[in-house]
Amino acid sequence: MTTNQNQTEADTTVDARGATCPGPLMDLISEVRAVDTGTVIALLSDAEKTPTEVREWADESGNEITEVVDEGDHNRIHVRKLRPNKSQSSAAAPVAPYWQTPWRRNSMRR
């Protein structure tokens, strides 16, 4: 087991051992959507490509990998959620009902 001096505590754990790629990443994404910003999630996975896929996803999504540890038979990857979900980040813009959209109003006048 590899130890890390800067070991971070996980707030929640996703155990995806036994799942093939991209299953572990999909499980992680589901958990990230369900938790609050700042939460640290530990992903346990024995799939070979998971560390690479999680790194790429974290770079694209703006989340942070705080730790990757090879536990021998699986990897433990800690991810900190840095961005709120889109629905949390701002109030949704008001949307006019279908019949009130400008193009619909014009077509109803004919």
PDB file of N, CA and C in Angstrom:
ATOM      1  N   MET A   1       0.841  -1.188   0.000  1.00  0.00           N
ATOM      2  CA  MET A   1       0.000   0.000   0.000  1.00  0.00           C
ATOM      3  C   MET A   1       0.873   1.235   0.000  1.00  0.00           C
ATOM      4  N   THR A   2       0.542   2.176  -0.852  1.00  0.00           N
ATOM      5  CA  THR A   2       1.263   3.433  -0.919  1.00  0.00           C
ATOM      6  C   THR A   2       0.615   4.422   0.029  1.00  0.00           C
ATOM      7  N   THR A   3       1.444   5.093   0.813  1.00  0.00           N
ATOM      8  CA  THR A   3       0.890   6.108   1.707  1.00  0.00           C
ATOM      9  C   THR A   3       1.286   7.475   1.206  1.00  0.00           C
ATOM     10  N   ASN A   4       0.508   8.453   1.590  1.00  0.00           N
ATOM     11  CA  ASN A   4       0.744   9.814   1.160  1.00  0.00           C
ATOM     12  C   ASN A   4       0.702  10.702   2.393  1.00  0.00           C
ATOM     13  N   GLN A   5       1.723  11.509   2.600  1.00  0.00           N
ATOM     14  CA  GLN A   5       1.786  12.378   3.772  1.00  0.00           C
ATOM     15  C   GLN A   5       0.634  13.375   3.804  1.00  0.00           C
ATOM     16  N   ASN A   6       0.142  13.790   2.650  1.00  0.00           N
ATOM     17  CA  ASN A   6      -0.943  14.766   2.556  1.00  0.00           C
ATOM     18  C   ASN A   6      -2.285  14.077   2.377  1.00  0.00           C
ATOM     19  N   GLN A   7      -2.459  12.945   3.040  1.00  0.00           N
ATOM     20  CA  GLN A   7      -3.689  12.166   2.862  1.00  0.00           C
ATOM     21  C   GLN A   7      -4.909  13.009   3.242  1.00  0.00           C
ATOM     22  N   THR A   8      -5.885  13.017   2.346  1.00  0.00           N
ATOM     23  CA  THR A   8      -7.112  13.763   2.593  1.00  0.00           C
ATOM     24  C   THR A   8      -8.193  12.810   3.062  1.00  0.00           C
ATOM     25  N   GLU A   9      -9.030  13.290   3.944  1.00  0.00           N
ATOM     26  CA  GLU A   9     -10.161  12.511   4.416  1.00  0.00           C
ATOM     27  C   GLU A   9     -11.283  12.621   3.394  1.00  0.00           C
ATOM     28  N   ALA A  10     -11.904  11.510   3.097  1.00  0.00           N
ATOM     29  CA  ALA A  10     -13.038  11.519   2.171  1.00  0.00           C
ATOM     30  C   ALA A  10     -14.320  11.704   2.962  1.00  0.00           C
ATOM     31  N   ASP A  11     -15.228  12.509   2.416  1.00  0.00           N
ATOM     32  CA  ASP A  11     -16.541  12.709   3.024  1.00  0.00           C
ATOM     33  C   ASP A  11     -17.498  11.591   2.644  1.00  0.00           C
ATOM     34  N   THR A  12     -17.292  11.009   1.470  1.00  0.00           N
ATOM     35  CA  THR A  12     -18.133   9.921   0.975  1.00  0.00           C
ATOM     36  C   THR A  12     -17.284   9.007   0.096  1.00  0.00           C
ATOM     37  N   THR A  13     -17.717   7.770  -0.056  1.00  0.00           N
ATOM     38  CA  THR A  13     -16.955   6.795  -0.831  1.00  0.00           C
ATOM     39  C   THR A  13     -17.841   6.131  -1.878  1.00  0.00           C
ATOM     40  N   VAL A  14     -17.287   6.000  -3.087  1.00  0.00           N
ATOM     41  CA  VAL A  14     -17.947   5.261  -4.161  1.00  0.00           C
ATOM     42  C   VAL A  14     -17.103   4.016  -4.397  1.00  0.00           C
ATOM     43  N   ASP A  15     -17.671   2.857  -4.109  1.00  0.00           N
ATOM     44  CA  ASP A  15     -16.948   1.597  -4.301  1.00  0.00           C
ATOM     45  C   ASP A  15     -17.357   1.005  -5.650  1.00  0.00           C
ATOM     46  N   ALA A  16     -16.488   1.181  -6.640  1.00  0.00           N
ATOM     47  CA  ALA A  16     -16.770   0.700  -7.995  1.00  0.00           C
ATOM     48  C   ALA A  16     -15.860  -0.472  -8.355  1.00  0.00           C
ATOM     49  N   ARG A  17     -15.328  -1.153  -7.350  1.00  0.00           N
ATOM     50  CA  ARG A  17     -14.487  -2.317  -7.628  1.00  0.00           C
ATOM     51  C   ARG A  17     -15.334  -3.381  -8.305  1.00  0.00           C
ATOM     52  N   GLY A  18     -14.789  -3.970  -9.364  1.00  0.00           N
ATOM     53  CA  GLY A  18     -15.497  -4.983 -10.127  1.00  0.00           C
ATOM     54  C   GLY A  18     -16.201  -4.424 -11.352  1.00  0.00           C
ATOM     55  N   ALA A  19     -16.384  -3.119 -11.411  1.00  0.00           N
ATOM     56  CA  ALA A  19     -17.026  -2.492 -12.574  1.00  0.00           C
ATOM     57  C   ALA A  19     -15.967  -2.202 -13.640  1.00  0.00           C
ATOM     58  N   THR A  20     -16.348  -2.359 -14.909  1.00  0.00           N
ATOM     59  CA  THR A  20     -15.425  -2.053 -15.997  1.00  0.00           C
ATOM     60  C   THR A  20     -15.635  -0.619 -16.459  1.00  0.00           C
ATOM     61  N   CYS A  21     -14.619  -0.066 -17.094  1.00  0.00           N
ATOM     62  CA  CYS A  21     -14.703   1.299 -17.598  1.00  0.00           C
ATOM     63  C   CYS A  21     -15.763   1.391 -18.680  1.00  0.00           C
ATOM     64  N   PRO A  22     -16.509   2.456 -18.726  1.00  0.00           N
ATOM     65  CA  PRO A  22     -16.421   3.678 -17.934  1.00  0.00           C
ATOM     66  C   PRO A  22     -17.294   3.681 -16.685  1.00  0.00           C
ATOM     67  N   GLY A  23     -17.710   2.519 -16.201  1.00  0.00           N
ATOM     68  CA  GLY A  23     -18.594   2.438 -15.045  1.00  0.00           C
ATOM     69  C   GLY A  23     -18.126   3.205 -13.821  1.00  0.00           C
ATOM     70  N   PRO A  24     -16.861   3.033 -13.385  1.00  0.00           N
ATOM     71  CA  PRO A  24     -16.408   3.770 -12.205  1.00  0.00           C
ATOM     72  C   PRO A  24     -16.508   5.290 -12.375  1.00  0.00           C
ATOM     73  N   LEU A  25     -16.165   5.783 -13.553  1.00  0.00           N
ATOM     74  CA  LEU A  25     -16.266   7.225 -13.801  1.00  0.00           C
ATOM     75  C   LEU A  25     -17.720   7.679 -13.763  1.00  0.00           C
ATOM     76  N   MET A  26     -18.612   6.913 -14.337  1.00  0.00           N
ATOM     77  CA  MET A  26     -20.041   7.272 -14.317  1.00  0.00           C
ATOM     78  C   MET A  26     -20.578   7.287 -12.888  1.00  0.00           C
ATOM     79  N   ASP A  27     -20.147   6.322 -12.070  1.00  0.00           N
ATOM     80  CA  ASP A  27     -20.551   6.291 -10.659  1.00  0.00           C
ATOM     81  C   ASP A  27     -20.024   7.526  -9.930  1.00  0.00           C
ATOM     82  N   LEU A  28     -18.781   7.908 -10.223  1.00  0.00           N
ATOM     83  CA  LEU A  28     -18.192   9.095  -9.605  1.00  0.00           C
ATOM     84  C   LEU A  28     -18.960  10.350 -10.004  1.00  0.00           C
ATOM     85  N   ILE A  29     -19.256  10.493 -11.275  1.00  0.00           N
ATOM     86  CA  ILE A  29     -19.980  11.673 -11.758  1.00  0.00           C
ATOM     87  C   ILE A  29     -21.350  11.778 -11.094  1.00  0.00           C
ATOM     88  N   SER A  30     -22.030  10.668 -10.944  1.00  0.00           N
ATOM     89  CA  SER A  30     -23.335  10.669 -10.265  1.00  0.00           C
ATOM     90  C   SER A  30     -23.197  11.158  -8.831  1.00  0.00           C
ATOM     91  N   GLU A  31     -22.167  10.707  -8.154  1.00  0.00           N
ATOM     92  CA  GLU A  31     -21.955  11.130  -6.760  1.00  0.00           C
ATOM     93  C   GLU A  31     -21.577  12.607  -6.692  1.00  0.00           C
ATOM     94  N   VAL A  32     -20.741  13.075  -7.617  1.00  0.00           N
ATOM     95  CA  VAL A  32     -20.349  14.484  -7.637  1.00  0.00           C
ATOM     96  C   VAL A  32     -21.588  15.362  -7.806  1.00  0.00           C
ATOM     97  N   ARG A  33     -22.505  14.955  -8.644  1.00  0.00           N
ATOM     98  CA  ARG A  33     -23.730  15.735  -8.845  1.00  0.00           C
ATOM     99  C   ARG A  33     -24.603  15.773  -7.588  1.00  0.00           C
ATOM    100  N   ALA A  34     -24.494  14.751  -6.741  1.00  0.00           N
ATOM    101  CA  ALA A  34     -25.363  14.631  -5.572  1.00  0.00           C
ATOM    102  C   ALA A  34     -24.827  15.346  -4.332  1.00  0.00           C
ATOM    103  N   VAL A  35     -23.552  15.720  -4.328  1.00  0.00           N
ATOM    104  CA  VAL A  35     -22.958  16.300  -3.123  1.00  0.00           C
ATOM    105  C   VAL A  35     -22.743  17.802  -3.279  1.00  0.00           C
ATOM    106  N   ASP A  36     -22.443  18.448  -2.147  1.00  0.00           N
ATOM    107  CA  ASP A  36     -22.204  19.895  -2.131  1.00  0.00           C
ATOM    108  C   ASP A  36     -20.783  20.220  -2.573  1.00  0.00           C
ATOM    109  N   THR A  37     -20.577  21.438  -3.016  1.00  0.00           N
ATOM    110  CA  THR A  37     -19.259  21.930  -3.391  1.00  0.00           C
ATOM    111  C   THR A  37     -18.331  21.832  -2.186  1.00  0.00           C
ATOM    112  N   GLY A  38     -17.097  21.390  -2.415  1.00  0.00           N
ATOM    113  CA  GLY A  38     -16.116  21.233  -1.354  1.00  0.00           C
ATOM    114  C   GLY A  38     -16.031  19.826  -0.802  1.00  0.00           C
ATOM    115  N   THR A  39     -16.989  18.979  -1.146  1.00  0.00           N
ATOM    116  CA  THR A  39     -17.005  17.599  -0.667  1.00  0.00           C
ATOM    117  C   THR A  39     -15.894  16.798  -1.338  1.00  0.00           C
ATOM    118  N   VAL A  40     -15.245  15.937  -0.557  1.00  0.00           N
ATOM    119  CA  VAL A  40     -14.215  15.046  -1.089  1.00  0.00           C
ATOM    120  C   VAL A  40     -14.817  13.648  -1.209  1.00  0.00           C
ATOM    121  N   ILE A  41     -14.700  13.083  -2.397  1.00  0.00           N
ATOM    122  CA  ILE A  41     -15.245  11.763  -2.696  1.00  0.00           C
ATOM    123  C   ILE A  41     -14.087  10.811  -2.957  1.00  0.00           C
ATOM    124  N   ALA A  42     -14.111   9.647  -2.318  1.00  0.00           N
ATOM    125  CA  ALA A  42     -13.119   8.603  -2.578  1.00  0.00           C
ATOM    126  C   ALA A  42     -13.734   7.615  -3.554  1.00  0.00           C
ATOM    127  N   LEU A  43     -13.048   7.383  -4.660  1.00  0.00           N
ATOM    128  CA  LEU A  43     -13.469   6.388  -5.646  1.00  0.00           C
ATOM    129  C   LEU A  43     -12.546   5.187  -5.521  1.00  0.00           C
ATOM    130  N   LEU A  44     -13.122   4.022  -5.272  1.00  0.00           N
ATOM    131  CA  LEU A  44     -12.361   2.775  -5.230  1.00  0.00           C
ATOM    132  C   LEU A  44     -12.638   2.025  -6.516  1.00  0.00           C
ATOM    133  N   SER A  45     -11.582   1.717  -7.272  1.00  0.00           N
ATOM    134  CA  SER A  45     -11.763   1.048  -8.554  1.00  0.00           C
ATOM    135  C   SER A  45     -10.571   0.157  -8.859  1.00  0.00           C
ATOM    136  N   ASP A  46     -10.879  -1.019  -9.408  1.00  0.00           N
ATOM    137  CA  ASP A  46      -9.809  -1.915  -9.832  1.00  0.00           C
ATOM    138  C   ASP A  46      -9.664  -1.937 -11.358  1.00  0.00           C
ATOM    139  N   ALA A  47     -10.395  -1.068 -12.049  1.00  0.00           N
ATOM    140  CA  ALA A  47     -10.278  -0.973 -13.506  1.00  0.00           C
ATOM    141  C   ALA A  47      -8.989  -0.225 -13.851  1.00  0.00           C
ATOM    142  N   GLU A  48      -8.240  -0.774 -14.770  1.00  0.00           N
ATOM    143  CA  GLU A  48      -6.913  -0.250 -15.113  1.00  0.00           C
ATOM    144  C   GLU A  48      -6.937   1.196 -15.611  1.00  0.00           C
ATOM    145  N   LYS A  49      -7.944   1.558 -16.391  1.00  0.00           N
ATOM    146  CA  LYS A  49      -7.978   2.886 -17.021  1.00  0.00           C
ATOM    147  C   LYS A  49      -8.612   3.966 -16.149  1.00  0.00           C
ATOM    148  N   THR A  50      -9.160   3.602 -15.006  1.00  0.00           N
ATOM    149  CA  THR A  50      -9.883   4.569 -14.189  1.00  0.00           C
ATOM    150  C   THR A  50      -9.045   5.794 -13.796  1.00  0.00           C
ATOM    151  N   PRO A  51      -7.809   5.647 -13.308  1.00  0.00           N
ATOM    152  CA  PRO A  51      -7.056   6.860 -12.930  1.00  0.00           C
ATOM    153  C   PRO A  51      -6.893   7.842 -14.093  1.00  0.00           C
ATOM    154  N   THR A  52      -6.622   7.318 -15.287  1.00  0.00           N
ATOM    155  CA  THR A  52      -6.478   8.179 -16.459  1.00  0.00           C
ATOM    156  C   THR A  52      -7.793   8.858 -16.806  1.00  0.00           C
ATOM    157  N   GLU A  53      -8.883   8.091 -16.808  1.00  0.00           N
ATOM    158  CA  GLU A  53     -10.189   8.659 -17.147  1.00  0.00           C
ATOM    159  C   GLU A  53     -10.619   9.712 -16.137  1.00  0.00           C
ATOM    160  N   VAL A  54     -10.366   9.460 -14.858  1.00  0.00           N
ATOM    161  CA  VAL A  54     -10.762  10.421 -13.822  1.00  0.00           C
ATOM    162  C   VAL A  54      -9.929  11.692 -13.937  1.00  0.00           C
ATOM    163  N   ARG A  55      -8.636  11.562 -14.231  1.00  0.00           N
ATOM    164  CA  ARG A  55      -7.792  12.760 -14.419  1.00  0.00           C
ATOM    165  C   ARG A  55      -8.309  13.614 -15.581  1.00  0.00           C
ATOM    166  N   GLU A  56      -8.612  12.972 -16.699  1.00  0.00           N
ATOM    167  CA  GLU A  56      -9.118  13.710 -17.864  1.00  0.00           C
ATOM    168  C   GLU A  56     -10.451  14.387 -17.541  1.00  0.00           C
ATOM    169  N   TRP A  57     -11.351  13.655 -16.875  1.00  0.00           N
ATOM    170  CA  TRP A  57     -12.650  14.218 -16.512  1.00  0.00           C
ATOM    171  C   TRP A  57     -12.483  15.389 -15.549  1.00  0.00           C
ATOM    172  N   ALA A  58     -11.607  15.238 -14.557  1.00  0.00           N
ATOM    173  CA  ALA A  58     -11.402  16.307 -13.572  1.00  0.00           C
ATOM    174  C   ALA A  58     -10.867  17.567 -14.252  1.00  0.00           C
ATOM    175  N   ASP A  59      -9.949  17.416 -15.196  1.00  0.00           N
ATOM    176  CA  ASP A  59      -9.423  18.569 -15.936  1.00  0.00           C
ATOM    177  C   ASP A  59     -10.527  19.275 -16.715  1.00  0.00           C
ATOM    178  N   GLU A  60     -11.388  18.498 -17.348  1.00  0.00           N
ATOM    179  CA  GLU A  60     -12.470  19.068 -18.161  1.00  0.00           C
ATOM    180  C   GLU A  60     -13.578  19.672 -17.317  1.00  0.00           C
ATOM    181  N   SER A  61     -13.867  19.063 -16.174  1.00  0.00           N
ATOM    182  CA  SER A  61     -15.008  19.495 -15.361  1.00  0.00           C
ATOM    183  C   SER A  61     -14.647  20.551 -14.323  1.00  0.00           C
ATOM    184  N   GLY A  62     -13.358  20.770 -14.091  1.00  0.00           N
ATOM    185  CA  GLY A  62     -12.951  21.778 -13.116  1.00  0.00           C
ATOM    186  C   GLY A  62     -12.956  21.278 -11.685  1.00  0.00           C
ATOM    187  N   ASN A  63     -12.945  19.975 -11.481  1.00  0.00           N
ATOM    188  CA  ASN A  63     -12.834  19.414 -10.146  1.00  0.00           C
ATOM    189  C   ASN A  63     -11.384  19.056  -9.880  1.00  0.00           C
ATOM    190  N   GLU A  64     -11.050  18.726  -8.638  1.00  0.00           N
ATOM    191  CA  GLU A  64      -9.660  18.532  -8.252  1.00  0.00           C
ATOM    192  C   GLU A  64      -9.414  17.111  -7.738  1.00  0.00           C
ATOM    193  N   ILE A  65      -8.392  16.478  -8.264  1.00  0.00           N
ATOM    194  CA  ILE A  65      -7.938  15.204  -7.710  1.00  0.00           C
ATOM    195  C   ILE A  65      -6.946  15.546  -6.611  1.00  0.00           C
ATOM    196  N   THR A  66      -7.265  15.148  -5.391  1.00  0.00           N
ATOM    197  CA  THR A  66      -6.388  15.459  -4.266  1.00  0.00           C
ATOM    198  C   THR A  66      -5.427  14.334  -3.938  1.00  0.00           C
ATOM    199  N   GLU A  67      -5.754  13.115  -4.402  1.00  0.00           N
ATOM    200  CA  GLU A  67      -4.898  11.990  -4.068  1.00  0.00           C
ATOM    201  C   GLU A  67      -5.224  10.790  -4.959  1.00  0.00           C
ATOM    202  N   VAL A  68      -4.188  10.083  -5.386  1.00  0.00           N
ATOM    203  CA  VAL A  68      -4.340   8.807  -6.095  1.00  0.00           C
ATOM    204  C   VAL A  68      -3.396   7.833  -5.407  1.00  0.00           C
ATOM    205  N   VAL A  69      -3.955   6.753  -4.880  1.00  0.00           N
ATOM    206  CA  VAL A  69      -3.147   5.778  -4.149  1.00  0.00           C
ATOM    207  C   VAL A  69      -3.393   4.392  -4.726  1.00  0.00           C
ATOM    208  N   ASP A  70      -2.305   3.694  -5.018  1.00  0.00           N
ATOM    209  CA  ASP A  70      -2.392   2.306  -5.457  1.00  0.00           C
ATOM    210  C   ASP A  70      -2.457   1.436  -4.204  1.00  0.00           C
ATOM    211  N   GLU A  71      -3.591   0.815  -3.986  1.00  0.00           N
ATOM    212  CA  GLU A  71      -3.808  -0.010  -2.795  1.00  0.00           C
ATOM    213  C   GLU A  71      -3.464  -1.478  -3.053  1.00  0.00           C
ATOM    214  N   GLY A  72      -2.798  -1.757  -4.164  1.00  0.00           N
ATOM    215  CA  GLY A  72      -2.425  -3.130  -4.510  1.00  0.00           C
ATOM    216  C   GLY A  72      -3.429  -3.756  -5.459  1.00  0.00           C
ATOM    217  N   ASP A  73      -4.612  -4.088  -4.955  1.00  0.00           N
ATOM    218  CA  ASP A  73      -5.627  -4.712  -5.808  1.00  0.00           C
ATOM    219  C   ASP A  73      -6.616  -3.706  -6.386  1.00  0.00           C
ATOM    220  N   HIS A  74      -6.513  -2.436  -5.986  1.00  0.00           N
ATOM    221  CA  HIS A  74      -7.379  -1.390  -6.527  1.00  0.00           C
ATOM    222  C   HIS A  74      -6.723  -0.026  -6.297  1.00  0.00           C
ATOM    223  N   ASN A  75      -7.270   0.986  -6.952  1.00  0.00           N
ATOM    224  CA  ASN A  75      -6.825   2.365  -6.755  1.00  0.00           C
ATOM    225  C   ASN A  75      -7.854   3.099  -5.912  1.00  0.00           C
ATOM    226  N   ARG A  76      -7.356   4.026  -5.085  1.00  0.00           N
ATOM    227  CA  ARG A  76      -8.220   4.925  -4.320  1.00  0.00           C
ATOM    228  C   ARG A  76      -7.929   6.328  -4.830  1.00  0.00           C
ATOM    229  N   ILE A  77      -8.940   6.966  -5.392  1.00  0.00           N
ATOM    230  CA  ILE A  77      -8.786   8.290  -5.986  1.00  0.00           C
ATOM    231  C   ILE A  77      -9.699   9.254  -5.236  1.00  0.00           C
ATOM    232  N   HIS A  78      -9.117  10.297  -4.655  1.00  0.00           N
ATOM    233  CA  HIS A  78      -9.906  11.302  -3.947  1.00  0.00           C
ATOM    234  C   HIS A  78     -10.123  12.499  -4.868  1.00  0.00           C
ATOM    235  N   VAL A  79     -11.386  12.889  -4.999  1.00  0.00           N
ATOM    236  CA  VAL A  79     -11.758  14.007  -5.869  1.00  0.00           C
ATOM    237  C   VAL A  79     -12.531  15.018  -5.038  1.00  0.00           C
ATOM    238  N   ARG A  80     -12.123  16.288  -5.111  1.00  0.00           N
ATOM    239  CA  ARG A  80     -12.846  17.372  -4.428  1.00  0.00           C
ATOM    240  C   ARG A  80     -13.703  18.105  -5.454  1.00  0.00           C
ATOM    241  N   LYS A  81     -14.982  18.219  -5.140  1.00  0.00           N
ATOM    242  CA  LYS A  81     -15.902  18.951  -6.013  1.00  0.00           C
ATOM    243  C   LYS A  81     -15.645  20.443  -5.822  1.00  0.00           C
ATOM    244  N   LEU A  82     -15.282  21.123  -6.910  1.00  0.00           N
ATOM    245  CA  LEU A  82     -14.957  22.542  -6.830  1.00  0.00           C
ATOM    246  C   LEU A  82     -16.033  23.447  -7.414  1.00  0.00           C
ATOM    247  N   ARG A  83     -16.859  22.919  -8.281  1.00  0.00           N
ATOM    248  CA  ARG A  83     -17.869  23.756  -8.925  1.00  0.00           C
ATOM    249  C   ARG A  83     -19.271  23.292  -8.546  1.00  0.00           C
ATOM    250  N   PRO A  84     -20.160  24.246  -8.327  1.00  0.00           N
ATOM    251  CA  PRO A  84     -21.546  23.842  -8.056  1.00  0.00           C
ATOM    252  C   PRO A  84     -22.197  23.300  -9.319  1.00  0.00           C
ATOM    253  N   ASN A  85     -23.247  22.517  -9.139  1.00  0.00           N
ATOM    254  CA  ASN A  85     -24.010  22.041 -10.290  1.00  0.00           C
ATOM    255  C   ASN A  85     -24.599  23.239 -11.011  1.00  0.00           C
ATOM    256  N   LYS A  86     -24.894  23.094 -12.270  1.00  0.00           N
ATOM    257  CA  LYS A  86     -25.447  24.211 -13.038  1.00  0.00           C
ATOM    258  C   LYS A  86     -26.723  24.746 -12.397  1.00  0.00           C
ATOM    259  N   SER A  87     -27.544  23.872 -11.859  1.00  0.00           N
ATOM    260  CA  SER A  87     -28.786  24.315 -11.233  1.00  0.00           C
ATOM    261  C   SER A  87     -28.520  25.034  -9.921  1.00  0.00           C
ATOM    262  N   GLN A  88     -27.359  24.794  -9.291  1.00  0.00           N
ATOM    263  CA  GLN A  88     -27.004  25.454  -8.047  1.00  0.00           C
ATOM    264  C   GLN A  88     -26.306  26.786  -8.291  1.00  0.00           C
ATOM    265  N   SER A  89     -25.650  26.947  -9.436  1.00  0.00           N
ATOM    266  CA  SER A  89     -24.795  28.107  -9.649  1.00  0.00           C
ATOM    267  C   SER A  89     -25.567  29.392  -9.899  1.00  0.00           C
ATOM    268  N   SER A  90     -26.706  29.316 -10.503  1.00  0.00           N
ATOM    269  CA  SER A  90     -27.490  30.528 -10.746  1.00  0.00           C
ATOM    270  C   SER A  90     -28.935  30.134 -10.954  1.00  0.00           C
ATOM    271  N   ALA A  91     -29.776  31.105 -10.711  1.00  0.00           N
ATOM    272  CA  ALA A  91     -31.199  30.843 -10.912  1.00  0.00           C
ATOM    273  C   ALA A  91     -31.460  30.671 -12.398  1.00  0.00           C
ATOM    274  N   ALA A  92     -32.344  29.790 -12.718  1.00  0.00           N
ATOM    275  CA  ALA A  92     -32.672  29.551 -14.118  1.00  0.00           C
ATOM    276  C   ALA A  92     -33.359  30.780 -14.701  1.00  0.00           C
ATOM    277  N   ALA A  93     -33.023  31.084 -15.922  1.00  0.00           N
ATOM    278  CA  ALA A  93     -33.652  32.213 -16.595  1.00  0.00           C
ATOM    279  C   ALA A  93     -35.117  31.892 -16.840  1.00  0.00           C
ATOM    280  N   PRO A  94     -35.978  32.885 -16.682  1.00  0.00           N
ATOM    281  CA  PRO A  94     -37.393  32.619 -16.941  1.00  0.00           C
ATOM    282  C   PRO A  94     -37.602  32.262 -18.408  1.00  0.00           C
ATOM    283  N   VAL A  95     -38.473  31.335 -18.645  1.00  0.00           N
ATOM    284  CA  VAL A  95     -38.755  30.886 -19.998  1.00  0.00           C
ATOM    285  C   VAL A  95     -40.212  31.167 -20.300  1.00  0.00           C
ATOM    286  N   ALA A  96     -40.442  31.820 -21.426  1.00  0.00           N
ATOM    287  CA  ALA A  96     -41.811  32.126 -21.821  1.00  0.00           C
ATOM    288  C   ALA A  96     -42.520  30.859 -22.266  1.00  0.00           C
ATOM    289  N   PRO A  97     -43.798  30.739 -21.954  1.00  0.00           N
ATOM    290  CA  PRO A  97     -44.546  29.594 -22.467  1.00  0.00           C
ATOM    291  C   PRO A  97     -44.484  29.561 -23.989  1.00  0.00           C
ATOM    292  N   TYR A  98     -44.657  28.383 -24.529  1.00  0.00           N
ATOM    293  CA  TYR A  98     -44.548  28.158 -25.968  1.00  0.00           C
ATOM    294  C   TYR A  98     -45.369  29.166 -26.771  1.00  0.00           C
ATOM    295  N   TRP A  99     -46.602  29.408 -26.355  1.00  0.00           N
ATOM    296  CA  TRP A  99     -47.494  30.283 -27.124  1.00  0.00           C
ATOM    297  C   TRP A  99     -47.112  31.756 -27.010  1.00  0.00           C
ATOM    298  N   GLN A 100     -46.191  32.115 -26.102  1.00  0.00           N
ATOM    299  CA  GLN A 100     -45.782  33.508 -25.956  1.00  0.00           C
ATOM    300  C   GLN A 100     -44.432  33.808 -26.597  1.00  0.00           C
ATOM    301  N   THR A 101     -43.793  32.827 -27.186  1.00  0.00           N
ATOM    302  CA  THR A 101     -42.528  33.102 -27.849  1.00  0.00           C
ATOM    303  C   THR A 101     -42.797  33.975 -29.068  1.00  0.00           C
ATOM    304  N   PRO A 102     -41.896  34.898 -29.406  1.00  0.00           N
ATOM    305  CA  PRO A 102     -42.153  35.861 -30.488  1.00  0.00           C
ATOM    306  C   PRO A 102     -42.529  35.203 -31.810  1.00  0.00           C
ATOM    307  N   TRP A 103     -41.829  34.150 -32.185  1.00  0.00           N
ATOM    308  CA  TRP A 103     -42.145  33.538 -33.475  1.00  0.00           C
ATOM    309  C   TRP A 103     -43.518  32.881 -33.435  1.00  0.00           C
ATOM    310  N   ARG A 104     -43.948  32.399 -32.296  1.00  0.00           N
ATOM    311  CA  ARG A 104     -45.264  31.765 -32.180  1.00  0.00           C
ATOM    312  C   ARG A 104     -46.369  32.826 -32.195  1.00  0.00           C
ATOM    313  N   ARG A 105     -46.148  33.947 -31.544  1.00  0.00           N
ATOM    314  CA  ARG A 105     -47.148  35.015 -31.530  1.00  0.00           C
ATOM    315  C   ARG A 105     -47.412  35.519 -32.944  1.00  0.00           C
ATOM    316  N   ASN A 106     -46.346  35.664 -33.721  1.00  0.00           N
ATOM    317  CA  ASN A 106     -46.494  36.154 -35.096  1.00  0.00           C
ATOM    318  C   ASN A 106     -47.261  35.160 -35.950  1.00  0.00           C
ATOM    319  N   SER A 107     -47.009  33.868 -35.759  1.00  0.00           N
ATOM    320  CA  SER A 107     -47.686  32.878 -36.577  1.00  0.00           C
ATOM    321  C   SER A 107     -49.155  32.746 -36.192  1.00  0.00           C
ATOM    322  N   MET A 108     -49.512  33.127 -34.989  1.00  0.00           N
ATOM    323  CA  MET A 108     -50.902  33.031 -34.556  1.00  0.00           C
ATOM    324  C   MET A 108     -51.737  34.175 -35.094  1.00  0.00           C
ATOM    325  N   ARG A 109     -51.115  35.273 -35.527  1.00  0.00           N
ATOM    326  CA  ARG A 109     -51.821  36.449 -36.022  1.00  0.00           C
ATOM    327  C   ARG A 109     -52.316  36.250 -37.451  1.00  0.00           C
ATOM    328  N   ARG A 110     -51.806  35.317 -38.145  1.00  0.00           N
ATOM    329  CA  ARG A 110     -52.163  35.135 -39.552  1.00  0.00           C
ATOM    330  C   ARG A 110     -53.511  34.517 -39.720  1.00  0.00           C
TER     331      ARG A 110
END
